[in-house]
Each structure stands twice: as structure tokens, then as C-alpha cells.
Amino acid sequence: MLYGEASVSYVRSPSIACDGFLAAVDIIDRRWSSVVIQAIAKGCRTFSQISCYSSKLNDSSLSKRLKELEDQGIVKRTVVDTRPPRAMYHLTQSGLELVPILDALTDWGNRNLLDQPDSSSEANP
């Protein structure tokens, strides 16, 4: 067996690892969820700060994602007693654990998807 190869059994059986992977991907794959998590990780705390993190994120989508992430235990919403009251958002421990994973995906995307030379220029020197 070569380095990095795993022995794979082709017998179909329930897999906790697969279920965990699918559950995790379901969260980060939802449109804007990863962006919201990254915005909060970078210090955006209010709705308007998170909204400004990406110019393509509209308020309706942001509101929906924040509620979903709060329900999933990834984001914690705290209402600050000011006039008018305002909500502050923070990552829970579970949310904080996602940050290095999202950072790694971002790094991978920058290296492999954005930093690629134009293939048409390589074919036609």
C-alpha cells in the first residue's frame, strides 16, 4: 500500500464519519454561511458590519443565515441594552472550530483556483 492510500472495504454499512462529513458540509455549503462565519471571525459583530463584509450579501439572506447558524449552535446572538437595542454576534466554540477549516479552504482556493496561470497563454506561446 502506498503512502496516503487507505484500505477501503466496499461492503455497504452505516458510517458515522460519512454522516459527520455530510452534516458539516451541509452547514458550510449553504449559500453565505461560510462568509458569515468568516466575517464574524474577522471581527464583524453587528448586522451591518457583517452585511458589509460581502457586497453581494443582501439583508434578507444575512438574516436567514444568522438565524440558521444560531439554531445550529455556531453563532451566538446577544442583545445589547442600548437605545435602540442592538444585536451583537459572536462565534461559539463550535463556530470557532470551523475558522481554521474555512481559512484552509480559502488558502486552497487562492492557490489552486485564483493563482492559476491562464491556460490559453500556455498553449499558445
N, C-alpha and C. Protein backbone atom coordinates (compact mmCIF):
# COMPACT_ATOMS: atom_id res chain seq x y z
N MET A 1 0.84 -1.17 0.00
CA MET A 1 0.00 0.00 0.00
C MET A 1 0.90 1.24 0.00
N LEU A 2 0.61 2.20 -0.86
CA LEU A 2 1.38 3.42 -0.96
C LEU A 2 1.00 4.38 0.15
N TYR A 3 1.90 5.30 0.47
CA TYR A 3 1.64 6.33 1.47
C TYR A 3 0.41 7.12 1.06
N GLY A 4 -0.48 7.35 1.99
CA GLY A 4 -1.67 8.14 1.72
C GLY A 4 -2.85 7.32 1.23
N GLU A 5 -2.61 6.05 0.88
CA GLU A 5 -3.71 5.21 0.46
C GLU A 5 -4.33 4.56 1.68
N ALA A 6 -5.60 4.34 1.62
CA ALA A 6 -6.29 3.70 2.72
C ALA A 6 -6.92 2.41 2.22
N SER A 7 -6.99 1.46 3.09
CA SER A 7 -7.68 0.23 2.75
C SER A 7 -9.17 0.53 2.79
N VAL A 8 -9.86 0.19 1.73
CA VAL A 8 -11.29 0.50 1.64
C VAL A 8 -12.08 -0.78 1.52
N SER A 9 -13.06 -0.91 2.36
CA SER A 9 -13.96 -2.03 2.27
C SER A 9 -15.18 -1.59 1.47
N TYR A 10 -15.56 -2.38 0.50
CA TYR A 10 -16.68 -2.00 -0.34
C TYR A 10 -18.00 -2.57 0.14
N VAL A 11 -18.01 -3.10 1.35
CA VAL A 11 -19.26 -3.58 1.93
C VAL A 11 -20.04 -2.37 2.42
N ARG A 12 -21.28 -2.26 2.02
CA ARG A 12 -22.09 -1.11 2.44
C ARG A 12 -22.49 -1.28 3.90
N SER A 13 -22.11 -0.27 4.68
CA SER A 13 -22.51 -0.25 6.08
C SER A 13 -22.61 1.20 6.52
N PRO A 14 -23.40 1.46 7.55
CA PRO A 14 -23.52 2.85 8.03
C PRO A 14 -22.16 3.37 8.46
N SER A 15 -21.92 4.64 8.19
CA SER A 15 -20.63 5.23 8.53
C SER A 15 -20.84 6.53 9.29
N ILE A 16 -20.38 6.56 10.51
CA ILE A 16 -20.50 7.77 11.31
C ILE A 16 -19.64 8.87 10.71
N ALA A 17 -18.46 8.54 10.23
CA ALA A 17 -17.57 9.54 9.63
C ALA A 17 -18.24 10.19 8.43
N CYS A 18 -18.87 9.42 7.59
CA CYS A 18 -19.54 9.95 6.42
C CYS A 18 -20.69 10.86 6.85
N ASP A 19 -21.46 10.43 7.83
CA ASP A 19 -22.58 11.24 8.31
C ASP A 19 -22.07 12.56 8.88
N GLY A 20 -20.98 12.52 9.62
CA GLY A 20 -20.41 13.74 10.18
C GLY A 20 -19.92 14.68 9.09
N PHE A 21 -19.28 14.12 8.08
CA PHE A 21 -18.80 14.92 6.96
C PHE A 21 -19.96 15.60 6.25
N LEU A 22 -20.99 14.82 5.96
CA LEU A 22 -22.15 15.38 5.26
C LEU A 22 -22.85 16.45 6.08
N ALA A 23 -22.95 16.26 7.38
CA ALA A 23 -23.57 17.25 8.25
C ALA A 23 -22.76 18.54 8.26
N ALA A 24 -21.43 18.42 8.30
CA ALA A 24 -20.56 19.60 8.30
C ALA A 24 -20.65 20.34 6.97
N VAL A 25 -20.60 19.60 5.88
CA VAL A 25 -20.67 20.22 4.56
C VAL A 25 -22.03 20.88 4.36
N ASP A 26 -23.08 20.30 4.90
CA ASP A 26 -24.40 20.90 4.78
C ASP A 26 -24.42 22.30 5.39
N ILE A 27 -23.69 22.50 6.47
CA ILE A 27 -23.65 23.82 7.10
C ILE A 27 -22.82 24.79 6.27
N ILE A 28 -21.59 24.43 5.95
CA ILE A 28 -20.72 25.38 5.27
C ILE A 28 -21.05 25.55 3.79
N ASP A 29 -21.82 24.61 3.23
CA ASP A 29 -22.18 24.67 1.82
C ASP A 29 -23.39 25.57 1.57
N ARG A 30 -24.12 25.90 2.60
CA ARG A 30 -25.28 26.78 2.40
C ARG A 30 -24.80 28.15 1.99
N ARG A 31 -25.46 28.70 1.01
CA ARG A 31 -25.04 30.00 0.48
C ARG A 31 -24.90 31.02 1.60
N TRP A 32 -23.76 31.63 1.66
CA TRP A 32 -23.39 32.71 2.59
C TRP A 32 -23.02 32.25 3.99
N SER A 33 -23.26 31.02 4.37
CA SER A 33 -22.93 30.59 5.73
C SER A 33 -21.44 30.76 6.02
N SER A 34 -20.60 30.31 5.13
CA SER A 34 -19.15 30.42 5.34
C SER A 34 -18.71 31.87 5.38
N VAL A 35 -19.30 32.70 4.56
CA VAL A 35 -18.96 34.12 4.54
C VAL A 35 -19.34 34.77 5.86
N VAL A 36 -20.51 34.43 6.38
CA VAL A 36 -20.97 34.97 7.66
C VAL A 36 -20.02 34.54 8.78
N ILE A 37 -19.66 33.28 8.80
CA ILE A 37 -18.73 32.77 9.82
C ILE A 37 -17.40 33.49 9.72
N GLN A 38 -16.88 33.64 8.52
CA GLN A 38 -15.60 34.34 8.33
C GLN A 38 -15.70 35.80 8.74
N ALA A 39 -16.80 36.46 8.44
CA ALA A 39 -16.97 37.87 8.81
C ALA A 39 -16.92 38.03 10.32
N ILE A 40 -17.63 37.17 11.04
CA ILE A 40 -17.64 37.26 12.49
C ILE A 40 -16.25 36.93 13.04
N ALA A 41 -15.59 35.95 12.45
CA ALA A 41 -14.24 35.59 12.88
C ALA A 41 -13.26 36.75 12.69
N LYS A 42 -13.50 37.57 11.66
CA LYS A 42 -12.62 38.71 11.37
C LYS A 42 -12.97 39.94 12.21
N GLY A 43 -13.99 39.83 13.08
CA GLY A 43 -14.30 40.94 13.98
C GLY A 43 -15.59 41.68 13.72
N CYS A 44 -16.31 41.30 12.67
CA CYS A 44 -17.61 41.93 12.42
C CYS A 44 -18.59 41.43 13.49
N ARG A 45 -19.22 42.33 14.21
CA ARG A 45 -20.09 41.94 15.32
C ARG A 45 -21.55 42.31 15.12
N THR A 46 -21.81 43.36 14.38
CA THR A 46 -23.19 43.80 14.19
C THR A 46 -23.70 43.34 12.82
N PHE A 47 -25.01 43.39 12.67
CA PHE A 47 -25.64 43.01 11.41
C PHE A 47 -25.05 43.83 10.25
N SER A 48 -24.93 45.14 10.45
CA SER A 48 -24.45 45.99 9.36
C SER A 48 -22.98 45.71 9.04
N GLN A 49 -22.15 45.41 10.05
CA GLN A 49 -20.75 45.07 9.79
C GLN A 49 -20.64 43.78 9.00
N ILE A 50 -21.44 42.79 9.38
CA ILE A 50 -21.41 41.50 8.67
C ILE A 50 -21.92 41.70 7.25
N SER A 51 -22.96 42.52 7.10
CA SER A 51 -23.53 42.79 5.78
C SER A 51 -22.51 43.44 4.85
N CYS A 52 -21.67 44.31 5.38
CA CYS A 52 -20.65 44.99 4.57
C CYS A 52 -19.48 44.10 4.21
N TYR A 53 -19.35 42.95 4.86
CA TYR A 53 -18.22 42.05 4.61
C TYR A 53 -18.21 41.56 3.16
N SER A 54 -19.39 41.37 2.59
CA SER A 54 -19.51 40.98 1.19
C SER A 54 -20.57 41.84 0.54
N SER A 55 -20.20 42.48 -0.54
CA SER A 55 -21.14 43.37 -1.22
C SER A 55 -22.29 42.62 -1.89
N LYS A 56 -22.14 41.32 -2.08
CA LYS A 56 -23.19 40.53 -2.73
C LYS A 56 -24.21 39.96 -1.76
N LEU A 57 -23.96 40.07 -0.48
CA LEU A 57 -24.84 39.50 0.55
C LEU A 57 -25.95 40.49 0.87
N ASN A 58 -27.21 40.11 0.60
CA ASN A 58 -28.31 41.01 0.90
C ASN A 58 -28.83 40.78 2.33
N ASP A 59 -29.57 41.74 2.84
CA ASP A 59 -30.02 41.70 4.23
C ASP A 59 -30.94 40.52 4.53
N SER A 60 -31.77 40.15 3.58
CA SER A 60 -32.68 39.02 3.78
C SER A 60 -31.91 37.71 3.94
N SER A 61 -30.93 37.51 3.06
CA SER A 61 -30.12 36.29 3.14
C SER A 61 -29.29 36.27 4.42
N LEU A 62 -28.75 37.43 4.79
CA LEU A 62 -27.96 37.50 6.01
C LEU A 62 -28.81 37.18 7.23
N SER A 63 -29.99 37.75 7.31
CA SER A 63 -30.87 37.48 8.44
C SER A 63 -31.20 36.00 8.55
N LYS A 64 -31.49 35.38 7.42
CA LYS A 64 -31.80 33.95 7.39
C LYS A 64 -30.61 33.11 7.83
N ARG A 65 -29.42 33.43 7.32
CA ARG A 65 -28.22 32.66 7.67
C ARG A 65 -27.85 32.83 9.14
N LEU A 66 -27.95 34.05 9.66
CA LEU A 66 -27.63 34.26 11.07
C LEU A 66 -28.55 33.43 11.95
N LYS A 67 -29.83 33.40 11.63
CA LYS A 67 -30.79 32.62 12.42
C LYS A 67 -30.46 31.13 12.33
N GLU A 68 -30.16 30.64 11.14
CA GLU A 68 -29.81 29.22 10.97
C GLU A 68 -28.54 28.87 11.75
N LEU A 69 -27.52 29.71 11.63
CA LEU A 69 -26.26 29.45 12.33
C LEU A 69 -26.43 29.53 13.84
N GLU A 70 -27.33 30.39 14.29
CA GLU A 70 -27.64 30.46 15.72
C GLU A 70 -28.35 29.17 16.16
N ASP A 71 -29.31 28.72 15.37
CA ASP A 71 -30.04 27.48 15.68
C ASP A 71 -29.12 26.26 15.69
N GLN A 72 -28.06 26.30 14.88
CA GLN A 72 -27.12 25.19 14.80
C GLN A 72 -26.01 25.28 15.84
N GLY A 73 -26.04 26.33 16.65
CA GLY A 73 -25.04 26.46 17.71
C GLY A 73 -23.68 26.95 17.24
N ILE A 74 -23.64 27.61 16.11
CA ILE A 74 -22.38 28.10 15.56
C ILE A 74 -22.18 29.58 15.88
N VAL A 75 -23.28 30.30 15.93
CA VAL A 75 -23.26 31.74 16.22
C VAL A 75 -24.11 31.99 17.45
N LYS A 76 -23.64 32.90 18.29
CA LYS A 76 -24.41 33.33 19.47
C LYS A 76 -24.80 34.78 19.27
N ARG A 77 -26.08 35.06 19.47
CA ARG A 77 -26.62 36.41 19.34
C ARG A 77 -26.88 36.96 20.73
N THR A 78 -26.36 38.14 21.00
CA THR A 78 -26.56 38.79 22.28
C THR A 78 -27.16 40.17 22.02
N VAL A 79 -28.24 40.49 22.71
CA VAL A 79 -28.85 41.81 22.57
C VAL A 79 -28.23 42.74 23.60
N VAL A 80 -27.72 43.85 23.11
CA VAL A 80 -27.07 44.84 23.96
C VAL A 80 -28.12 45.87 24.38
N ASP A 81 -28.14 46.19 25.66
CA ASP A 81 -29.14 47.13 26.20
C ASP A 81 -28.72 48.56 25.92
N THR A 82 -28.96 49.00 24.70
CA THR A 82 -28.70 50.37 24.28
C THR A 82 -29.99 50.93 23.71
N ARG A 83 -29.98 52.19 23.39
CA ARG A 83 -31.14 52.80 22.75
C ARG A 83 -30.77 53.16 21.33
N PRO A 84 -31.32 52.59 20.30
CA PRO A 84 -32.16 51.39 20.35
C PRO A 84 -31.33 50.15 20.66
N PRO A 85 -31.98 49.10 21.13
CA PRO A 85 -31.24 47.86 21.40
C PRO A 85 -30.62 47.33 20.10
N ARG A 86 -29.47 46.69 20.22
CA ARG A 86 -28.87 46.10 19.01
C ARG A 86 -28.29 44.74 19.35
N ALA A 87 -28.21 43.94 18.32
CA ALA A 87 -27.70 42.58 18.48
C ALA A 87 -26.22 42.54 18.13
N MET A 88 -25.50 41.75 18.89
CA MET A 88 -24.08 41.51 18.63
C MET A 88 -23.93 40.01 18.37
N TYR A 89 -23.08 39.66 17.44
CA TYR A 89 -22.89 38.27 17.06
C TYR A 89 -21.46 37.83 17.37
N HIS A 90 -21.35 36.62 17.91
CA HIS A 90 -20.06 36.02 18.23
C HIS A 90 -20.11 34.56 17.82
N LEU A 91 -18.96 33.98 17.56
CA LEU A 91 -18.89 32.55 17.27
C LEU A 91 -18.85 31.77 18.58
N THR A 92 -19.56 30.67 18.60
CA THR A 92 -19.49 29.76 19.73
C THR A 92 -18.20 28.95 19.58
N GLN A 93 -17.93 28.08 20.54
CA GLN A 93 -16.75 27.22 20.43
C GLN A 93 -16.83 26.39 19.15
N SER A 94 -18.02 25.90 18.85
CA SER A 94 -18.22 25.12 17.63
C SER A 94 -17.91 25.96 16.39
N GLY A 95 -18.35 27.20 16.39
CA GLY A 95 -18.07 28.11 15.28
C GLY A 95 -16.59 28.42 15.15
N LEU A 96 -15.95 28.63 16.29
CA LEU A 96 -14.51 28.92 16.29
C LEU A 96 -13.71 27.76 15.70
N GLU A 97 -14.19 26.53 15.92
CA GLU A 97 -13.51 25.36 15.38
C GLU A 97 -13.60 25.30 13.86
N LEU A 98 -14.59 25.96 13.27
CA LEU A 98 -14.73 25.98 11.81
C LEU A 98 -13.76 26.96 11.15
N VAL A 99 -13.31 27.97 11.88
CA VAL A 99 -12.49 29.04 11.28
C VAL A 99 -11.23 28.51 10.60
N PRO A 100 -10.40 27.68 11.24
CA PRO A 100 -9.21 27.21 10.52
C PRO A 100 -9.55 26.34 9.31
N ILE A 101 -10.67 25.67 9.35
CA ILE A 101 -11.10 24.86 8.20
C ILE A 101 -11.47 25.77 7.03
N LEU A 102 -12.23 26.82 7.32
CA LEU A 102 -12.60 27.77 6.27
C LEU A 102 -11.38 28.53 5.76
N ASP A 103 -10.46 28.86 6.67
CA ASP A 103 -9.22 29.52 6.24
C ASP A 103 -8.42 28.60 5.31
N ALA A 104 -8.37 27.32 5.63
CA ALA A 104 -7.65 26.36 4.78
C ALA A 104 -8.32 26.25 3.41
N LEU A 105 -9.64 26.24 3.37
CA LEU A 105 -10.35 26.21 2.09
C LEU A 105 -10.07 27.47 1.28
N THR A 106 -10.03 28.61 1.96
CA THR A 106 -9.73 29.87 1.29
C THR A 106 -8.32 29.84 0.72
N ASP A 107 -7.36 29.39 1.51
CA ASP A 107 -5.98 29.29 1.04
C ASP A 107 -5.88 28.36 -0.17
N TRP A 108 -6.55 27.21 -0.08
CA TRP A 108 -6.54 26.26 -1.18
C TRP A 108 -7.13 26.90 -2.45
N GLY A 109 -8.26 27.60 -2.29
CA GLY A 109 -8.89 28.27 -3.43
C GLY A 109 -8.00 29.33 -4.04
N ASN A 110 -7.32 30.09 -3.18
CA ASN A 110 -6.40 31.11 -3.70
C ASN A 110 -5.26 30.48 -4.47
N ARG A 111 -4.71 29.39 -3.95
CA ARG A 111 -3.58 28.72 -4.60
C ARG A 111 -4.00 27.98 -5.87
N ASN A 112 -5.10 27.30 -5.83
CA ASN A 112 -5.46 26.38 -6.91
C ASN A 112 -6.49 26.90 -7.89
N LEU A 113 -7.23 27.91 -7.51
CA LEU A 113 -8.27 28.41 -8.41
C LEU A 113 -8.01 29.84 -8.88
N LEU A 114 -7.46 30.67 -8.01
CA LEU A 114 -7.24 32.07 -8.39
C LEU A 114 -5.84 32.33 -8.91
N ASP A 115 -4.86 31.59 -8.44
CA ASP A 115 -3.47 31.83 -8.82
C ASP A 115 -3.04 31.01 -10.02
N GLN A 116 -3.98 30.39 -10.71
CA GLN A 116 -3.64 29.57 -11.87
C GLN A 116 -3.32 30.46 -13.05
N PRO A 117 -2.23 30.16 -13.75
CA PRO A 117 -1.94 30.93 -14.98
C PRO A 117 -3.02 30.64 -16.01
N ASP A 118 -3.23 31.57 -16.87
CA ASP A 118 -4.22 31.41 -17.94
C ASP A 118 -3.76 30.27 -18.85
N SER A 119 -4.55 29.20 -18.90
CA SER A 119 -4.16 28.01 -19.67
C SER A 119 -4.07 28.30 -21.16
N SER A 120 -4.80 29.28 -21.67
CA SER A 120 -4.73 29.58 -23.09
C SER A 120 -3.40 30.20 -23.46
N SER A 121 -2.77 30.95 -22.52
CA SER A 121 -1.47 31.55 -22.83
C SER A 121 -0.37 30.49 -22.82
N GLU A 122 -0.55 29.42 -22.03
CA GLU A 122 0.45 28.34 -22.01
C GLU A 122 0.38 27.54 -23.30
N ALA A 123 -0.82 27.35 -23.84
CA ALA A 123 -0.99 26.55 -25.04
C ALA A 123 -0.47 27.28 -26.27
N ASN A 124 -0.49 28.61 -26.24
CA ASN A 124 -0.07 29.42 -27.39
C ASN A 124 1.05 30.36 -26.96
N PRO A 125 2.31 29.86 -26.95
CA PRO A 125 3.42 30.72 -26.51
C PRO A 125 3.72 31.85 -27.44
